[in-house]
Amino acid sequence: MKKELFFECFAGLIAGVVSGFFGAGGGMILVPFLTLILKKEEVESRATTILCIFFMVLISSIFYYKENSIDWDVAIKASVGGIIGGILGSKLLIKLDKKVLKMFFVILLIYSGVRMIIG
């Protein structure tokens, strides 16, 4: 139990650093960790990750706010789309076949990795 607690906190630490440093990526660390290491179900892993990301983003945003680094006009407009996308995405998550979900996630990871490499 202590070992699992350590791994969960460590995964959160890494995801938080990546999320805070790059502005994204926490889910790309937590979802594989929860599904592959902790053997959680796909839907549970993604839903848990979303809640974790919420708190990581909230804390990171406070620091970016203090540095006056937020473009509020863009943030508000993008948030409206994000809310709508979050509603649609969470409804699809529950309905999609697990294999399709995995395929989409792997494609997203590969695409993100390639984009990071080639800039």
Protein backbone atom coordinates (compact mmCIF):
# COMPACT_ATOMS: atom_id res chain seq x y z
CA MET A 1 0.00 0.00 0.00
CA LYS A 2 2.82 2.41 0.84
CA LYS A 3 4.56 1.53 -2.41
CA GLU A 4 1.39 2.30 -4.42
CA LEU A 5 0.94 5.60 -2.53
CA PHE A 6 4.53 6.54 -3.37
CA PHE A 7 4.06 5.70 -7.05
CA GLU A 8 0.79 7.66 -7.22
CA CYS A 9 2.36 10.74 -5.63
CA PHE A 10 5.48 10.43 -7.78
CA ALA A 11 3.41 10.15 -10.97
CA GLY A 12 1.46 13.23 -9.88
CA LEU A 13 4.72 15.08 -9.22
CA ILE A 14 6.09 14.29 -12.67
CA ALA A 15 2.76 15.12 -14.34
CA GLY A 16 2.57 18.40 -12.42
CA VAL A 17 6.09 19.43 -13.40
CA VAL A 18 5.46 18.57 -17.04
CA SER A 19 2.09 20.34 -17.00
CA GLY A 20 3.47 23.44 -15.29
CA PHE A 21 6.60 23.57 -17.41
CA PHE A 22 5.11 22.87 -20.83
CA GLY A 23 1.52 23.99 -20.21
CA ALA A 24 0.28 20.51 -21.18
CA GLY A 25 1.21 16.88 -20.94
CA GLY A 26 0.07 15.88 -17.46
CA GLY A 27 -2.55 13.57 -18.93
CA MET A 28 0.00 11.97 -21.23
CA ILE A 29 1.87 10.87 -18.14
CA LEU A 30 -1.01 10.03 -15.80
CA VAL A 31 -3.24 8.04 -18.16
CA PRO A 32 -0.55 5.52 -19.16
CA PHE A 33 0.60 5.34 -15.54
CA LEU A 34 -2.88 4.59 -14.24
CA THR A 35 -3.70 2.06 -16.96
CA LEU A 36 -0.34 0.31 -17.35
CA ILE A 37 1.20 0.48 -13.88
CA LEU A 38 -1.82 0.60 -11.56
CA LYS A 39 -3.99 -1.51 -13.93
CA LYS A 40 -6.99 0.85 -13.73
CA GLU A 41 -9.75 0.73 -16.33
CA GLU A 42 -9.45 3.12 -19.29
CA VAL A 43 -12.47 5.24 -18.37
CA GLU A 44 -11.48 5.43 -14.71
CA SER A 45 -7.91 6.40 -15.66
CA ARG A 46 -9.03 9.22 -17.91
CA ALA A 47 -11.67 10.51 -15.51
CA THR A 48 -9.20 10.45 -12.60
CA THR A 49 -6.59 12.19 -14.73
CA ILE A 50 -9.01 14.98 -15.65
CA LEU A 51 -9.60 15.74 -11.98
CA CYS A 52 -5.85 15.66 -11.28
CA ILE A 53 -5.19 17.99 -14.19
CA PHE A 54 -7.81 20.42 -12.89
CA PHE A 55 -5.82 20.90 -9.68
CA MET A 56 -2.46 21.05 -11.49
CA VAL A 57 -3.77 23.69 -13.88
CA LEU A 58 -5.35 25.67 -11.07
CA ILE A 59 -2.08 25.90 -9.15
CA SER A 60 0.03 26.57 -12.27
CA SER A 61 -2.42 29.31 -13.31
CA ILE A 62 -1.90 31.10 -10.00
CA PHE A 63 1.83 31.28 -10.64
CA TYR A 64 1.35 32.41 -14.25
CA TYR A 65 -1.16 35.01 -13.03
CA LYS A 66 1.37 36.37 -10.54
CA GLU A 67 3.86 36.76 -13.39
CA ASN A 68 1.20 38.58 -15.45
CA SER A 69 1.59 35.98 -18.21
CA ILE A 70 -2.07 35.31 -18.98
CA ASP A 71 -3.82 36.74 -22.03
CA TRP A 72 -7.28 37.00 -20.47
CA ASP A 73 -9.11 37.65 -23.73
CA VAL A 74 -7.79 34.46 -25.29
CA ALA A 75 -8.15 32.50 -22.03
CA ILE A 76 -11.84 33.35 -21.65
CA LYS A 77 -12.68 32.57 -25.27
CA ALA A 78 -10.73 29.32 -25.26
CA SER A 79 -12.33 28.36 -21.92
CA VAL A 80 -15.80 28.57 -23.43
CA GLY A 81 -14.74 26.13 -26.15
CA GLY A 82 -12.97 24.01 -23.52
CA ILE A 83 -16.12 23.74 -21.42
CA ILE A 84 -18.15 22.61 -24.43
CA GLY A 85 -15.38 20.22 -25.48
CA GLY A 86 -15.13 18.86 -21.94
CA ILE A 87 -18.83 18.08 -21.88
CA LEU A 88 -18.70 16.37 -25.28
CA GLY A 89 -15.47 14.54 -24.49
CA SER A 90 -16.67 13.17 -21.16
CA LYS A 91 -19.89 11.92 -22.74
CA LEU A 92 -17.94 10.26 -25.57
CA LEU A 93 -15.44 8.74 -23.12
CA ILE A 94 -18.20 6.76 -21.47
CA LYS A 95 -19.71 5.60 -24.78
CA LEU A 96 -16.62 4.80 -26.88
CA ASP A 97 -15.25 1.28 -27.14
CA LYS A 98 -12.07 0.87 -25.07
CA LYS A 99 -10.03 -0.23 -28.09
CA VAL A 100 -11.07 2.86 -30.07
CA LEU A 101 -10.27 5.03 -27.08
CA LYS A 102 -6.81 3.48 -26.79
CA MET A 103 -6.21 3.95 -30.50
CA PHE A 104 -7.13 7.65 -30.36
CA PHE A 105 -4.89 8.16 -27.33
CA VAL A 106 -1.91 6.41 -28.95
CA ILE A 107 -2.37 8.50 -32.11
CA LEU A 108 -2.47 11.66 -29.99
CA LEU A 109 0.69 10.65 -28.13
CA ILE A 110 2.54 9.88 -31.36
CA TYR A 111 1.36 13.12 -32.97
CA SER A 112 2.37 15.14 -29.90
CA GLY A 113 5.77 13.46 -29.77
CA VAL A 114 6.47 14.09 -33.45
CA ARG A 115 5.35 17.73 -33.15
CA MET A 116 7.68 18.25 -30.20
CA ILE A 117 10.61 16.74 -32.09
CA ILE A 118 10.15 18.68 -35.32
CA GLY A 119 8.96 21.85 -33.63
